Amino acid sequence: MSMRLIEGGIDLWSSDHSPYYFADKIGRSETPGFTTTLSGIPGIETRLPLLFSEGLLTGRLTLERYLDLTSRNAASIYGFANRKGRIAIGVDADLALWDPTMRWTLGHEALHSRVDFTPYEGRSVTGKPTTVLVRGVPVVADGELQAEPGFGRFVARNAADPELSGKPVEDWTPWLDA
C-alpha cells in the first residue's frame, strides 16, 4: 500500500469504474497491449472492500484515515460537507453498514456490474457492506437491492474550495518518480 495513501498524500479512494466486457476492452488487436486496449477497470464495487480489508483491518490505515479517504474528503472537496460525508444531526444519513468479519472472494459472479471480469478475480477479502442507507432509507438490505427507480434526488452543492483540492495524480506522475 502506498505511503502517500497511508500518510495523507492522496485525498480520495475512488474509481473511474470502466465497465467494459473483457472482449470489448482488449479490442480486436492481434496482440493486445497498453496502447490498444480501453483504459480503466471495473472497480466501483471492489474499491471499499479492498481498502477495508487491506487497509483498515491490517492496521495500515487508521479508522480516521479510512473515513477521510472514503467519505469526508470527497464531501469537502466537492462542496457537499454541509450534507454528506459524516454522521451528524442535519446531515443526510447516507451510510454503508458492514459485516466486518465476513470473508468472501471477489469475482465477477459475486459482483453486480454489467461486466464479465474483475482484475481481482479470486482474491479473498474480509469485510463486506450488507446494508446501504440513503437519507436513512435502506436501498440495499442484506445484499439485496430495495430502491425503486426514481428514488434518487438531485443534491445541490456549495462551491468547492480550491484550497481543498490537491494536485491531480497526472501532475506528479508517481510512476516516473520511482
C-alpha atoms as a PDB file:
ATOM      1  CA  MET A   1       0.000   0.000   0.000  1.00  0.00           C
ATOM      2  CA  SER A   2       1.347   3.399  -0.971  1.00  0.00           C
ATOM      3  CA  MET A   3       2.843   5.533   1.798  1.00  0.00           C
ATOM      4  CA  ARG A   4       1.098   8.533   0.213  1.00  0.00           C
ATOM      5  CA  LEU A   5      -2.230   6.762   0.709  1.00  0.00           C
ATOM      6  CA  ILE A   6      -1.411   5.865   4.314  1.00  0.00           C
ATOM      7  CA  GLU A   7       0.092   9.193   5.365  1.00  0.00           C
ATOM      8  CA  GLY A   8      -2.260  11.618   3.633  1.00  0.00           C
ATOM      9  CA  GLY A   9      -0.650  12.493   0.303  1.00  0.00           C
ATOM     10  CA  ILE A  10      -3.663  11.053  -1.523  1.00  0.00           C
ATOM     11  CA  ASP A  11      -7.026  12.652  -0.751  1.00  0.00           C
ATOM     12  CA  LEU A  12      -9.583  10.212  -2.183  1.00  0.00           C
ATOM     13  CA  TRP A  13     -10.027   6.478  -2.734  1.00  0.00           C
ATOM     14  CA  SER A  14     -12.222   6.347  -5.813  1.00  0.00           C
ATOM     15  CA  SER A  15     -12.756   4.520  -9.084  1.00  0.00           C
ATOM     16  CA  ASP A  16     -13.216   5.520 -12.685  1.00  0.00           C
ATOM     17  CA  HIS A  17     -15.331   2.336 -12.975  1.00  0.00           C
ATOM     18  CA  SER A  18     -14.826   1.297 -16.560  1.00  0.00           C
ATOM     19  CA  PRO A  19     -17.485  -1.404 -17.060  1.00  0.00           C
ATOM     20  CA  TYR A  20     -16.480  -2.995 -20.351  1.00  0.00           C
ATOM     21  CA  TYR A  21     -16.806  -6.643 -21.264  1.00  0.00           C
ATOM     22  CA  PHE A  22     -13.324  -8.110 -21.487  1.00  0.00           C
ATOM     23  CA  ALA A  23     -13.515  -8.734 -25.250  1.00  0.00           C
ATOM     24  CA  ASP A  24     -14.506  -5.087 -25.817  1.00  0.00           C
ATOM     25  CA  LYS A  25     -11.738  -3.884 -23.511  1.00  0.00           C
ATOM     26  CA  ILE A  26      -8.925  -5.691 -25.304  1.00  0.00           C
ATOM     27  CA  GLY A  27     -10.298  -4.785 -28.723  1.00  0.00           C
ATOM     28  CA  ARG A  28      -9.589  -6.539 -31.981  1.00  0.00           C
ATOM     29  CA  SER A  29      -5.802  -6.276 -31.967  1.00  0.00           C
ATOM     30  CA  GLU A  30      -3.822  -9.431 -32.744  1.00  0.00           C
ATOM     31  CA  THR A  31      -1.502  -8.532 -29.859  1.00  0.00           C
ATOM     32  CA  PRO A  32      -3.459  -6.561 -27.247  1.00  0.00           C
ATOM     33  CA  GLY A  33      -1.317  -4.159 -25.286  1.00  0.00           C
ATOM     34  CA  PHE A  34      -1.292  -0.929 -23.332  1.00  0.00           C
ATOM     35  CA  THR A  35      -1.832   1.241 -26.419  1.00  0.00           C
ATOM     36  CA  THR A  36      -4.607  -0.899 -27.949  1.00  0.00           C
ATOM     37  CA  THR A  37      -6.896  -1.622 -25.003  1.00  0.00           C
ATOM     38  CA  LEU A  38      -9.549   0.562 -23.396  1.00  0.00           C
ATOM     39  CA  SER A  39      -8.272   2.060 -20.160  1.00  0.00           C
ATOM     40  CA  GLY A  40      -9.738   1.570 -16.720  1.00  0.00           C
ATOM     41  CA  ILE A  41     -11.147  -1.359 -14.775  1.00  0.00           C
ATOM     42  CA  PRO A  42     -14.478  -2.196 -13.168  1.00  0.00           C
ATOM     43  CA  GLY A  43     -13.879  -1.013  -9.624  1.00  0.00           C
ATOM     44  CA  ILE A  44     -16.853   0.722  -8.019  1.00  0.00           C
ATOM     45  CA  GLU A  45     -17.970  -2.333  -6.048  1.00  0.00           C
ATOM     46  CA  THR A  46     -14.498  -3.588  -5.096  1.00  0.00           C
ATOM     47  CA  ARG A  47     -12.800  -0.357  -4.006  1.00  0.00           C
ATOM     48  CA  LEU A  48     -14.196  -0.157  -0.468  1.00  0.00           C
ATOM     49  CA  PRO A  49     -13.923  -3.872   0.417  1.00  0.00           C
ATOM     50  CA  LEU A  50     -10.292  -3.855  -0.754  1.00  0.00           C
ATOM     51  CA  LEU A  51      -9.432  -0.744   1.258  1.00  0.00           C
ATOM     52  CA  PHE A  52     -11.328  -2.045   4.302  1.00  0.00           C
ATOM     53  CA  SER A  53      -9.649  -5.470   4.193  1.00  0.00           C
ATOM     54  CA  GLU A  54      -6.139  -4.463   3.167  1.00  0.00           C
ATOM     55  CA  GLY A  55      -6.026  -1.025   4.794  1.00  0.00           C
ATOM     56  CA  LEU A  56      -8.189  -0.749   7.880  1.00  0.00           C
ATOM     57  CA  LEU A  57      -8.202  -4.373   9.067  1.00  0.00           C
ATOM     58  CA  THR A  58      -4.451  -4.813   8.577  1.00  0.00           C
ATOM     59  CA  GLY A  59      -3.719  -1.659  10.569  1.00  0.00           C
ATOM     60  CA  ARG A  60      -2.111   0.091   7.609  1.00  0.00           C
ATOM     61  CA  LEU A  61      -4.860   2.724   7.858  1.00  0.00           C
ATOM     62  CA  THR A  62      -6.406   4.195  10.964  1.00  0.00           C
ATOM     63  CA  LEU A  63     -10.190   4.472  11.161  1.00  0.00           C
ATOM     64  CA  GLU A  64      -9.814   8.256  10.830  1.00  0.00           C
ATOM     65  CA  ARG A  65      -7.768   7.907   7.644  1.00  0.00           C
ATOM     66  CA  TYR A  66     -10.173   5.329   6.219  1.00  0.00           C
ATOM     67  CA  LEU A  67     -13.122   7.683   6.800  1.00  0.00           C
ATOM     68  CA  ASP A  68     -11.217  10.586   5.241  1.00  0.00           C
ATOM     69  CA  LEU A  69     -10.408   8.549   2.121  1.00  0.00           C
ATOM     70  CA  THR A  70     -13.869   7.066   1.683  1.00  0.00           C
ATOM     71  CA  SER A  71     -16.244   9.892   2.579  1.00  0.00           C
ATOM     72  CA  ARG A  72     -15.165  13.018   4.423  1.00  0.00           C
ATOM     73  CA  ASN A  73     -12.605  14.310   1.934  1.00  0.00           C
ATOM     74  CA  ALA A  74     -14.841  13.774  -1.073  1.00  0.00           C
ATOM     75  CA  ALA A  75     -17.718  15.590   0.627  1.00  0.00           C
ATOM     76  CA  SER A  76     -15.449  18.551   1.409  1.00  0.00           C
ATOM     77  CA  ILE A  77     -13.644  18.713  -1.926  1.00  0.00           C
ATOM     78  CA  TYR A  78     -16.851  18.512  -3.972  1.00  0.00           C
ATOM     79  CA  GLY A  79     -18.829  21.015  -1.896  1.00  0.00           C
ATOM     80  CA  PHE A  80     -21.127  18.624  -0.011  1.00  0.00           C
ATOM     81  CA  ALA A  81     -19.676  18.857   3.509  1.00  0.00           C
ATOM     82  CA  ASN A  82     -22.870  20.517   4.734  1.00  0.00           C
ATOM     83  CA  ARG A  83     -24.945  17.443   3.653  1.00  0.00           C
ATOM     84  CA  LYS A  84     -22.668  14.403   3.225  1.00  0.00           C
ATOM     85  CA  GLY A  85     -19.564  12.614   4.420  1.00  0.00           C
ATOM     86  CA  ARG A  86     -20.144  12.342   8.158  1.00  0.00           C
ATOM     87  CA  ILE A  87     -22.623  11.294  10.796  1.00  0.00           C
ATOM     88  CA  ALA A  88     -24.196  14.373  12.405  1.00  0.00           C
ATOM     89  CA  ILE A  89     -27.569  15.980  13.051  1.00  0.00           C
ATOM     90  CA  GLY A  90     -28.838  17.653   9.885  1.00  0.00           C
ATOM     91  CA  VAL A  91     -26.566  15.662   7.560  1.00  0.00           C
ATOM     92  CA  ASP A  92     -28.070  13.087   5.181  1.00  0.00           C
ATOM     93  CA  ALA A  93     -27.990   9.602   6.706  1.00  0.00           C
ATOM     94  CA  ASP A  94     -26.146   8.024   3.763  1.00  0.00           C
ATOM     95  CA  LEU A  95     -24.441   5.054   5.378  1.00  0.00           C
ATOM     96  CA  ALA A  96     -22.967   1.701   4.452  1.00  0.00           C
ATOM     97  CA  LEU A  97     -23.327  -0.865   7.230  1.00  0.00           C
ATOM     98  CA  TRP A  98     -20.644  -3.557   7.205  1.00  0.00           C
ATOM     99  CA  ASP A  99     -20.164  -7.086   8.384  1.00  0.00           C
ATOM    100  CA  PRO A 100     -16.512  -6.564   9.365  1.00  0.00           C
ATOM    101  CA  THR A 101     -15.811 -10.286   9.747  1.00  0.00           C
ATOM    102  CA  MET A 102     -17.394 -11.640   6.555  1.00  0.00           C
ATOM    103  CA  ARG A 103     -14.739 -13.366   4.460  1.00  0.00           C
ATOM    104  CA  TRP A 104     -15.603 -13.549   0.770  1.00  0.00           C
ATOM    105  CA  THR A 105     -13.966 -13.931  -2.604  1.00  0.00           C
ATOM    106  CA  LEU A 106     -14.031 -11.217  -5.216  1.00  0.00           C
ATOM    107  CA  GLY A 107     -15.156 -12.456  -8.600  1.00  0.00           C
ATOM    108  CA  HIS A 108     -17.359 -11.162 -11.370  1.00  0.00           C
ATOM    109  CA  GLU A 109     -20.098 -13.664 -10.437  1.00  0.00           C
ATOM    110  CA  ALA A 110     -20.300 -12.143  -6.932  1.00  0.00           C
ATOM    111  CA  LEU A 111     -20.425  -8.560  -8.205  1.00  0.00           C
ATOM    112  CA  HIS A 112     -23.271  -6.560  -9.718  1.00  0.00           C
ATOM    113  CA  SER A 113     -21.783  -4.541 -12.584  1.00  0.00           C
ATOM    114  CA  ARG A 114     -22.519  -5.354 -16.215  1.00  0.00           C
ATOM    115  CA  VAL A 115     -19.084  -6.868 -16.822  1.00  0.00           C
ATOM    116  CA  ASP A 116     -17.662 -10.357 -17.291  1.00  0.00           C
ATOM    117  CA  PHE A 117     -14.391  -9.928 -15.387  1.00  0.00           C
ATOM    118  CA  THR A 118     -12.701  -8.274 -12.446  1.00  0.00           C
ATOM    119  CA  PRO A 119      -8.945  -7.823 -12.110  1.00  0.00           C
ATOM    120  CA  TYR A 120      -9.381  -9.079  -8.534  1.00  0.00           C
ATOM    121  CA  GLU A 121     -10.881 -12.443  -9.553  1.00  0.00           C
ATOM    122  CA  GLY A 122     -10.251 -14.985  -6.783  1.00  0.00           C
ATOM    123  CA  ARG A 123      -8.895 -12.513  -4.228  1.00  0.00           C
ATOM    124  CA  SER A 124     -10.207 -13.063  -0.704  1.00  0.00           C
ATOM    125  CA  VAL A 125     -11.142 -10.061   1.412  1.00  0.00           C
ATOM    126  CA  THR A 126     -12.610  -9.597   4.859  1.00  0.00           C
ATOM    127  CA  GLY A 127     -15.480  -7.190   5.412  1.00  0.00           C
ATOM    128  CA  LYS A 128     -18.451  -6.500   3.212  1.00  0.00           C
ATOM    129  CA  PRO A 129     -21.172  -3.866   3.120  1.00  0.00           C
ATOM    130  CA  THR A 130     -24.511  -5.576   3.768  1.00  0.00           C
ATOM    131  CA  THR A 131     -26.920  -2.659   4.074  1.00  0.00           C
ATOM    132  CA  VAL A 132     -26.836   0.755   2.419  1.00  0.00           C
ATOM    133  CA  LEU A 133     -28.955   3.650   3.618  1.00  0.00           C
ATOM    134  CA  VAL A 134     -29.695   6.747   1.561  1.00  0.00           C
ATOM    135  CA  ARG A 135     -31.220   9.534   3.612  1.00  0.00           C
ATOM    136  CA  GLY A 136     -31.830   6.885   6.281  1.00  0.00           C
ATOM    137  CA  VAL A 137     -33.821   4.607   3.968  1.00  0.00           C
ATOM    138  CA  PRO A 138     -32.427   1.131   3.162  1.00  0.00           C
ATOM    139  CA  VAL A 139     -31.697   0.926  -0.570  1.00  0.00           C
ATOM    140  CA  VAL A 140     -29.739  -2.312  -0.134  1.00  0.00           C
ATOM    141  CA  ALA A 141     -30.684  -4.668   2.701  1.00  0.00           C
ATOM    142  CA  ASP A 142     -28.830  -7.913   3.358  1.00  0.00           C
ATOM    143  CA  GLY A 143     -27.148  -7.507  -0.024  1.00  0.00           C
ATOM    144  CA  GLU A 144     -30.417  -7.143  -1.978  1.00  0.00           C
ATOM    145  CA  LEU A 145     -31.440  -4.006  -3.870  1.00  0.00           C
ATOM    146  CA  GLN A 146     -34.538  -2.392  -2.353  1.00  0.00           C
ATOM    147  CA  ALA A 147     -34.673   1.001  -4.076  1.00  0.00           C
ATOM    148  CA  GLU A 148     -37.191   1.687  -6.787  1.00  0.00           C
ATOM    149  CA  PRO A 149     -36.288   3.712  -9.886  1.00  0.00           C
ATOM    150  CA  GLY A 150     -36.645   7.417  -9.183  1.00  0.00           C
ATOM    151  CA  PHE A 151     -35.697   7.174  -5.504  1.00  0.00           C
ATOM    152  CA  GLY A 152     -32.594   9.308  -6.004  1.00  0.00           C
ATOM    153  CA  ARG A 153     -32.715  13.061  -5.950  1.00  0.00           C
ATOM    154  CA  PHE A 154     -30.562  15.947  -7.026  1.00  0.00           C
ATOM    155  CA  VAL A 155     -28.493  17.495  -4.243  1.00  0.00           C
ATOM    156  CA  ALA A 156     -27.149  20.973  -4.903  1.00  0.00           C
ATOM    157  CA  ARG A 157     -23.606  21.540  -3.763  1.00  0.00           C
ATOM    158  CA  ASN A 158     -21.745  24.528  -2.460  1.00  0.00           C
ATOM    159  CA  ALA A 159     -18.863  25.944  -4.449  1.00  0.00           C
ATOM    160  CA  ALA A 160     -15.792  23.836  -3.798  1.00  0.00           C
ATOM    161  CA  ASP A 161     -12.873  25.447  -2.003  1.00  0.00           C
ATOM    162  CA  PRO A 162      -9.904  25.308  -4.406  1.00  0.00           C
ATOM    163  CA  GLU A 163      -7.552  25.080  -1.414  1.00  0.00           C
ATOM    164  CA  LEU A 164      -9.011  21.652  -0.617  1.00  0.00           C
ATOM    165  CA  SER A 165      -8.077  20.221  -3.991  1.00  0.00           C
ATOM    166  CA  GLY A 166      -4.650  18.670  -4.159  1.00  0.00           C
ATOM    167  CA  LYS A 167      -2.572  18.166  -7.247  1.00  0.00           C
ATOM    168  CA  PRO A 168      -4.065  15.568  -9.651  1.00  0.00           C
ATOM    169  CA  VAL A 169      -2.028  12.392  -9.860  1.00  0.00           C
ATOM    170  CA  GLU A 170      -1.343  13.169 -13.523  1.00  0.00           C
ATOM    171  CA  ASP A 171       0.594  16.258 -12.427  1.00  0.00           C
ATOM    172  CA  TRP A 172       3.078  14.456 -10.190  1.00  0.00           C
ATOM    173  CA  THR A 173       3.430  11.141 -12.082  1.00  0.00           C
ATOM    174  CA  PRO A 174       4.496   8.798  -9.251  1.00  0.00           C
ATOM    175  CA  TRP A 175       5.305   6.079 -11.779  1.00  0.00           C
ATOM    176  CA  LEU A 176       8.032   8.325 -13.228  1.00  0.00           C
ATOM    177  CA  ASP A 177       9.389   9.329  -9.819  1.00  0.00           C
ATOM    178  CA  ALA A 178      10.103   5.746  -8.737  1.00  0.00           C
END
